[in-house]
Amino acid sequence: MPRVAIYTRVSTEDQAKEGYSLAAQKQRLEAYCDAQGWDIADYYIDDGHSGRNTRRPAYHRMMEERDKWDIILVMKMDRIHRNSKNFMIMMENLEKWGKKFSSMNESLDTSNAVGRFVVDIIQRIAQLESEQIGERTYMGMRQKAESGQGLLGFRVPYGYRLREGMLYVDETEAQVVLSIYERYLAGQTMEMIAWGLNRDGVTTRTEGEWTVWSISRILHNPVYAGYLRWEDLVNPSKHAPIIEVAMFNNVQIKISSKVRNPKHAKAVLLPEN
């Protein structure tokens, strides 16, 4: 009797779709196994993970435990992969291991050439749908960035805290940010600033040591002058600045003056009122 690995997955966007819940998938797949007379070897559940990549803990565990099962069963093909290349790599591995794949909704049999061809076509359609969703999401985020409407899912920068969707100044960290800008304008290099902060026992938010990269990131971020950047767009924001725009611009000019390649030496400045 075939041993079945039941794989279920939901992403954040799937949560609101009827029939895509983990419980609904599990219930329907169990009934399908019962009708087929298959034994369930184990359940592999990825909650809140996208099907566009393979960075999923349950998926990896299932592949590592392939000696436990003979067939992977999913409710629908896009539960296992939304990328045709990743899907075909999986299929090649399954064939090499002597394993099978079954999709309940599509009623697919991958043991013959026609079945594999149909699987490939369906998977490419699923990838097209996934890419179109990604394009629409990107366009929506860009329109939001162009209009300056709120934050766009970025990591809260050092010097600020996030409350109710707004950035608020962290006074202790803000003093460090101001010090970094002042030291750089006073002639210290990024290496010297990082060394000085580490020597004085000032740590990063994660209680790590300062590096040239972390200092550079702060010196290049317009958020400290009251602006938000998303890709190539920089717009004024409602959050309180830590430094003046003039100070930020002076730092950008100083940094660009040290760049040897003329193509990358142009300073991107903020408008001064």
Foldseek 3Di string as FASTA:
>chain_A
DFEEEEEAEDAPVRPPPPQRDPVSFVVVVVVVCVVVVYHYQYYQYFYRDAQADDPTVSLVVCVVVVVRGAEYEGQAPRRNHLALVVVVVVVVVSVVVNHFYAHNVVRAGPPDPVSVVVSSVVSVVSNVVVVVVVVVVVVVLVVCLVVVPADDPDDQDFQWDDDPRDTAGDVVRLVLLVVLLVVVVVPDQLQRSQVVCVVVCNATPVRHGDDSVSSVVSLQACVQQQWHDDVPGIGGHPYDHSDHQVSSQVSQLVVLVPDPDPVPSDGDGDDDD
